[in-house]
Each structure stands twice: as C-alpha cells, then as structure tokens.
Amino acid sequence: AEAVRYVQVNFGESLGVEQLAEVCGKSRRWLEQAFRHELQRSPSEYLLETRVDAAKTLLVEDPDIPLGHLAKETGFSGTRQLNRAFQQQTGKAVRDFLRRS
C-alpha cells in the first residue's frame, strides 16, 4: 500500500523499482512479489499505467498541451517514451486519443 501511494504521488518524477523499494524499506524482490500478488502486475507496469492515466487526464483537461510538456509532467523521459507507453496501454497514439475522445 505504501508503494502504491508513493507511485500515485510521485509518478511525475524519475522513479524506478529500486528507488521505490528503498523508499518502502523492502527488497526489490519483495516489492515485485507483493505487486504481482496484490495488483497482478509488476511495479514497473503499475508505474507506466499510472503515468499513462495521468497523461490521459491532462490531455482531456488541456487538449493543446505540448507533447514535450505532457511527457515531462507525467514522468516520461521524452515524447517517444510517452508515445510508446500510451500506444501500449490504450492502443492509440497520443494525438489519436485526442481526436477520438
């Protein structure tokens, strides 16, 4: 629960599984097993889903947001990473999501 809350609050920062485990005072292995057991996904998958969900929310609120700014606000290292994760999660490119929402 602590790790999930930490991701929900800090998804916009540079955040990895090792850092998340350290913050929670647990091993990486323990954290990965706990996420699989409780959420049926890895911590990395959960982080990506959280970031994509935040990107979708920002896009609905501000359809004209520049992609570079959107990527930065949601914790992606750049627009390419944002687009790749967005496509994997939604089946649509970022700009196509806007056209069809």
N, C-alpha and C. Protein backbone atom coordinates (compact mmCIF):
# COMPACT_ATOMS: atom_id res chain seq x y z
N ALA A 1 0.82 -1.20 0.00
CA ALA A 1 0.00 0.00 0.00
C ALA A 1 0.87 1.26 0.00
N GLU A 2 1.95 1.22 0.75
CA GLU A 2 2.84 2.38 0.80
C GLU A 2 3.46 2.65 -0.57
N ALA A 3 3.85 1.60 -1.25
CA ALA A 3 4.47 1.74 -2.57
C ALA A 3 3.46 2.29 -3.58
N VAL A 4 2.23 1.83 -3.52
CA VAL A 4 1.19 2.31 -4.43
C VAL A 4 0.94 3.79 -4.20
N ARG A 5 0.81 4.19 -2.94
CA ARG A 5 0.62 5.62 -2.63
C ARG A 5 1.81 6.45 -3.12
N TYR A 6 3.02 5.93 -2.93
CA TYR A 6 4.20 6.66 -3.35
C TYR A 6 4.19 6.87 -4.87
N VAL A 7 3.82 5.84 -5.62
CA VAL A 7 3.74 5.96 -7.08
C VAL A 7 2.67 6.98 -7.46
N GLN A 8 1.52 6.93 -6.82
CA GLN A 8 0.42 7.84 -7.15
C GLN A 8 0.80 9.30 -6.92
N VAL A 9 1.63 9.56 -5.93
CA VAL A 9 2.02 10.93 -5.61
C VAL A 9 3.25 11.37 -6.42
N ASN A 10 4.15 10.44 -6.71
CA ASN A 10 5.45 10.80 -7.29
C ASN A 10 5.68 10.29 -8.70
N PHE A 11 4.64 9.89 -9.42
CA PHE A 11 4.80 9.32 -10.76
C PHE A 11 5.48 10.28 -11.73
N GLY A 12 5.37 11.58 -11.48
CA GLY A 12 5.94 12.57 -12.39
C GLY A 12 7.43 12.74 -12.26
N GLU A 13 8.01 12.13 -11.24
CA GLU A 13 9.45 12.21 -11.03
C GLU A 13 10.14 11.01 -11.67
N SER A 14 11.45 11.11 -11.78
CA SER A 14 12.24 9.97 -12.22
C SER A 14 12.13 8.92 -11.12
N LEU A 15 11.54 7.79 -11.43
CA LEU A 15 11.24 6.80 -10.40
C LEU A 15 11.42 5.42 -10.98
N GLY A 16 12.16 4.60 -10.28
CA GLY A 16 12.37 3.22 -10.70
C GLY A 16 12.04 2.26 -9.58
N VAL A 17 12.07 0.99 -9.88
CA VAL A 17 11.71 -0.04 -8.91
C VAL A 17 12.68 -0.06 -7.74
N GLU A 18 13.98 0.11 -8.02
CA GLU A 18 14.97 0.12 -6.94
C GLU A 18 14.69 1.25 -5.96
N GLN A 19 14.41 2.43 -6.49
CA GLN A 19 14.13 3.59 -5.64
C GLN A 19 12.85 3.35 -4.84
N LEU A 20 11.85 2.80 -5.47
CA LEU A 20 10.59 2.51 -4.81
C LEU A 20 10.79 1.52 -3.66
N ALA A 21 11.57 0.49 -3.90
CA ALA A 21 11.85 -0.50 -2.85
C ALA A 21 12.59 0.16 -1.69
N GLU A 22 13.54 1.02 -2.02
CA GLU A 22 14.31 1.71 -0.98
C GLU A 22 13.41 2.60 -0.12
N VAL A 23 12.53 3.34 -0.76
CA VAL A 23 11.60 4.23 -0.05
C VAL A 23 10.73 3.42 0.92
N CYS A 24 10.34 2.23 0.49
CA CYS A 24 9.45 1.39 1.30
C CYS A 24 10.21 0.53 2.32
N GLY A 25 11.53 0.55 2.22
CA GLY A 25 12.33 -0.26 3.13
C GLY A 25 12.22 -1.75 2.88
N LYS A 26 11.98 -2.11 1.63
CA LYS A 26 11.84 -3.51 1.25
C LYS A 26 12.83 -3.83 0.15
N SER A 27 13.02 -5.12 -0.10
CA SER A 27 13.88 -5.52 -1.22
C SER A 27 13.09 -5.41 -2.52
N ARG A 28 13.83 -5.33 -3.60
CA ARG A 28 13.18 -5.27 -4.92
C ARG A 28 12.35 -6.54 -5.15
N ARG A 29 12.92 -7.66 -4.78
CA ARG A 29 12.22 -8.94 -4.96
C ARG A 29 10.91 -8.96 -4.17
N TRP A 30 10.95 -8.52 -2.91
CA TRP A 30 9.74 -8.48 -2.10
C TRP A 30 8.69 -7.58 -2.74
N LEU A 31 9.13 -6.41 -3.19
CA LEU A 31 8.21 -5.45 -3.80
C LEU A 31 7.56 -6.03 -5.05
N GLU A 32 8.36 -6.64 -5.90
CA GLU A 32 7.82 -7.22 -7.13
C GLU A 32 6.82 -8.34 -6.83
N GLN A 33 7.13 -9.17 -5.85
CA GLN A 33 6.21 -10.24 -5.47
C GLN A 33 4.91 -9.67 -4.89
N ALA A 34 5.03 -8.64 -4.08
CA ALA A 34 3.84 -8.03 -3.48
C ALA A 34 2.95 -7.41 -4.55
N PHE A 35 3.54 -6.72 -5.50
CA PHE A 35 2.75 -6.12 -6.58
C PHE A 35 2.06 -7.20 -7.41
N ARG A 36 2.80 -8.26 -7.74
CA ARG A 36 2.20 -9.36 -8.52
C ARG A 36 1.03 -9.98 -7.76
N HIS A 37 1.20 -10.18 -6.47
CA HIS A 37 0.17 -10.81 -5.66
C HIS A 37 -1.05 -9.91 -5.52
N GLU A 38 -0.84 -8.64 -5.22
CA GLU A 38 -1.94 -7.72 -4.92
C GLU A 38 -2.56 -7.08 -6.17
N LEU A 39 -1.73 -6.76 -7.16
CA LEU A 39 -2.22 -5.99 -8.32
C LEU A 39 -2.13 -6.74 -9.64
N GLN A 40 -1.58 -7.96 -9.61
CA GLN A 40 -1.40 -8.77 -10.82
C GLN A 40 -0.58 -8.05 -11.88
N ARG A 41 0.38 -7.25 -11.45
CA ARG A 41 1.30 -6.57 -12.37
C ARG A 41 2.57 -6.22 -11.61
N SER A 42 3.61 -5.94 -12.35
CA SER A 42 4.88 -5.56 -11.73
C SER A 42 4.84 -4.09 -11.30
N PRO A 43 5.75 -3.68 -10.44
CA PRO A 43 5.81 -2.26 -10.09
C PRO A 43 6.03 -1.37 -11.31
N SER A 44 6.84 -1.82 -12.25
CA SER A 44 7.10 -1.05 -13.47
C SER A 44 5.83 -0.90 -14.30
N GLU A 45 5.07 -1.97 -14.42
CA GLU A 45 3.81 -1.91 -15.17
C GLU A 45 2.83 -0.95 -14.50
N TYR A 46 2.77 -1.03 -13.17
CA TYR A 46 1.87 -0.15 -12.44
C TYR A 46 2.28 1.32 -12.61
N LEU A 47 3.56 1.58 -12.56
CA LEU A 47 4.06 2.94 -12.75
C LEU A 47 3.70 3.47 -14.14
N LEU A 48 3.90 2.65 -15.17
CA LEU A 48 3.55 3.07 -16.53
C LEU A 48 2.05 3.32 -16.67
N GLU A 49 1.23 2.44 -16.09
CA GLU A 49 -0.22 2.64 -16.15
C GLU A 49 -0.62 3.94 -15.47
N THR A 50 -0.01 4.21 -14.33
CA THR A 50 -0.31 5.44 -13.59
C THR A 50 0.07 6.66 -14.41
N ARG A 51 1.24 6.61 -15.05
CA ARG A 51 1.69 7.73 -15.87
C ARG A 51 0.79 7.94 -17.09
N VAL A 52 0.39 6.86 -17.74
CA VAL A 52 -0.49 6.98 -18.91
C VAL A 52 -1.86 7.51 -18.49
N ASP A 53 -2.37 7.02 -17.38
CA ASP A 53 -3.66 7.53 -16.89
C ASP A 53 -3.57 9.03 -16.60
N ALA A 54 -2.47 9.47 -16.01
CA ALA A 54 -2.29 10.89 -15.74
C ALA A 54 -2.20 11.68 -17.05
N ALA A 55 -1.53 11.11 -18.05
CA ALA A 55 -1.43 11.77 -19.35
C ALA A 55 -2.81 11.91 -19.98
N LYS A 56 -3.62 10.88 -19.89
CA LYS A 56 -4.98 10.95 -20.45
C LYS A 56 -5.79 12.05 -19.77
N THR A 57 -5.67 12.14 -18.46
CA THR A 57 -6.38 13.19 -17.71
C THR A 57 -5.93 14.57 -18.15
N LEU A 58 -4.62 14.78 -18.25
CA LEU A 58 -4.10 16.08 -18.68
C LEU A 58 -4.53 16.41 -20.10
N LEU A 59 -4.58 15.42 -20.97
CA LEU A 59 -4.99 15.64 -22.35
C LEU A 59 -6.46 16.07 -22.44
N VAL A 60 -7.29 15.47 -21.61
CA VAL A 60 -8.70 15.85 -21.60
C VAL A 60 -8.86 17.28 -21.07
N GLU A 61 -8.10 17.59 -20.03
CA GLU A 61 -8.17 18.92 -19.43
C GLU A 61 -7.61 20.00 -20.35
N ASP A 62 -6.55 19.66 -21.09
CA ASP A 62 -5.89 20.63 -21.97
C ASP A 62 -5.45 19.94 -23.26
N PRO A 63 -6.36 19.85 -24.24
CA PRO A 63 -6.05 19.15 -25.50
C PRO A 63 -4.88 19.77 -26.28
N ASP A 64 -4.54 21.01 -25.99
CA ASP A 64 -3.46 21.68 -26.72
C ASP A 64 -2.11 21.60 -26.01
N ILE A 65 -2.03 20.82 -24.95
CA ILE A 65 -0.77 20.71 -24.20
C ILE A 65 0.32 20.17 -25.13
N PRO A 66 1.47 20.81 -25.16
CA PRO A 66 2.57 20.29 -25.99
C PRO A 66 3.01 18.91 -25.48
N LEU A 67 3.32 18.02 -26.41
CA LEU A 67 3.68 16.66 -26.02
C LEU A 67 4.92 16.62 -25.13
N GLY A 68 5.88 17.48 -25.38
CA GLY A 68 7.07 17.52 -24.54
C GLY A 68 6.73 17.87 -23.10
N HIS A 69 5.83 18.80 -22.93
CA HIS A 69 5.40 19.20 -21.59
C HIS A 69 4.61 18.06 -20.94
N LEU A 70 3.74 17.43 -21.71
CA LEU A 70 2.96 16.30 -21.21
C LEU A 70 3.88 15.18 -20.74
N ALA A 71 4.89 14.87 -21.53
CA ALA A 71 5.84 13.82 -21.15
C ALA A 71 6.54 14.17 -19.84
N LYS A 72 7.00 15.40 -19.73
CA LYS A 72 7.72 15.83 -18.52
C LYS A 72 6.81 15.80 -17.30
N GLU A 73 5.58 16.27 -17.45
CA GLU A 73 4.64 16.32 -16.32
C GLU A 73 4.26 14.93 -15.81
N THR A 74 4.31 13.95 -16.68
CA THR A 74 3.87 12.61 -16.31
C THR A 74 5.02 11.63 -16.07
N GLY A 75 6.25 12.15 -16.02
CA GLY A 75 7.38 11.33 -15.62
C GLY A 75 8.07 10.56 -16.73
N PHE A 76 7.71 10.82 -17.97
CA PHE A 76 8.39 10.16 -19.08
C PHE A 76 9.64 10.94 -19.45
N SER A 77 10.64 10.24 -19.94
CA SER A 77 11.90 10.90 -20.27
C SER A 77 11.81 11.71 -21.56
N GLY A 78 10.80 11.45 -22.36
CA GLY A 78 10.62 12.19 -23.60
C GLY A 78 9.35 11.76 -24.31
N THR A 79 9.09 12.41 -25.45
CA THR A 79 7.85 12.13 -26.17
C THR A 79 7.82 10.72 -26.75
N ARG A 80 8.97 10.21 -27.13
CA ARG A 80 9.00 8.86 -27.69
C ARG A 80 8.57 7.82 -26.65
N GLN A 81 9.10 7.96 -25.44
CA GLN A 81 8.72 7.04 -24.37
C GLN A 81 7.23 7.19 -24.04
N LEU A 82 6.75 8.43 -23.99
CA LEU A 82 5.33 8.68 -23.74
C LEU A 82 4.47 8.01 -24.81
N ASN A 83 4.80 8.25 -26.08
CA ASN A 83 4.02 7.68 -27.18
C ASN A 83 4.01 6.15 -27.14
N ARG A 84 5.17 5.56 -26.87
CA ARG A 84 5.26 4.10 -26.83
C ARG A 84 4.38 3.53 -25.71
N ALA A 85 4.48 4.10 -24.52
CA ALA A 85 3.69 3.61 -23.39
C ALA A 85 2.20 3.86 -23.63
N PHE A 86 1.88 5.01 -24.19
CA PHE A 86 0.49 5.36 -24.45
C PHE A 86 -0.12 4.39 -25.45
N GLN A 87 0.62 4.08 -26.50
CA GLN A 87 0.16 3.13 -27.52
C GLN A 87 -0.05 1.75 -26.91
N GLN A 88 0.87 1.32 -26.07
CA GLN A 88 0.75 0.00 -25.45
C GLN A 88 -0.46 -0.07 -24.53
N GLN A 89 -0.73 0.99 -23.79
CA GLN A 89 -1.81 0.99 -22.81
C GLN A 89 -3.19 1.21 -23.44
N THR A 90 -3.26 2.06 -24.45
CA THR A 90 -4.57 2.46 -24.99
C THR A 90 -4.84 1.92 -26.39
N GLY A 91 -3.80 1.49 -27.08
CA GLY A 91 -3.97 1.05 -28.46
C GLY A 91 -4.02 2.22 -29.43
N LYS A 92 -3.80 3.43 -28.92
CA LYS A 92 -3.86 4.64 -29.75
C LYS A 92 -2.62 5.50 -29.51
N ALA A 93 -2.25 6.25 -30.53
CA ALA A 93 -1.21 7.26 -30.34
C ALA A 93 -1.81 8.41 -29.54
N VAL A 94 -0.98 9.22 -28.93
CA VAL A 94 -1.46 10.32 -28.09
C VAL A 94 -2.42 11.22 -28.86
N ARG A 95 -2.02 11.66 -30.02
CA ARG A 95 -2.86 12.59 -30.79
C ARG A 95 -4.15 11.93 -31.30
N ASP A 96 -4.11 10.63 -31.56
CA ASP A 96 -5.33 9.92 -31.96
C ASP A 96 -6.31 9.82 -30.80
N PHE A 97 -5.80 9.67 -29.60
CA PHE A 97 -6.64 9.64 -28.40
C PHE A 97 -7.44 10.94 -28.30
N LEU A 98 -6.80 12.04 -28.59
CA LEU A 98 -7.48 13.34 -28.52
C LEU A 98 -8.58 13.45 -29.56
N ARG A 99 -8.33 12.96 -30.75
CA ARG A 99 -9.31 13.06 -31.83
C ARG A 99 -10.55 12.21 -31.56
N ARG A 100 -10.39 11.13 -30.84
CA ARG A 100 -11.50 10.19 -30.67
C ARG A 100 -12.16 10.29 -29.30
N SER A 101 -11.68 11.16 -28.44
CA SER A 101 -12.27 11.27 -27.09
C SER A 101 -13.36 12.32 -27.06
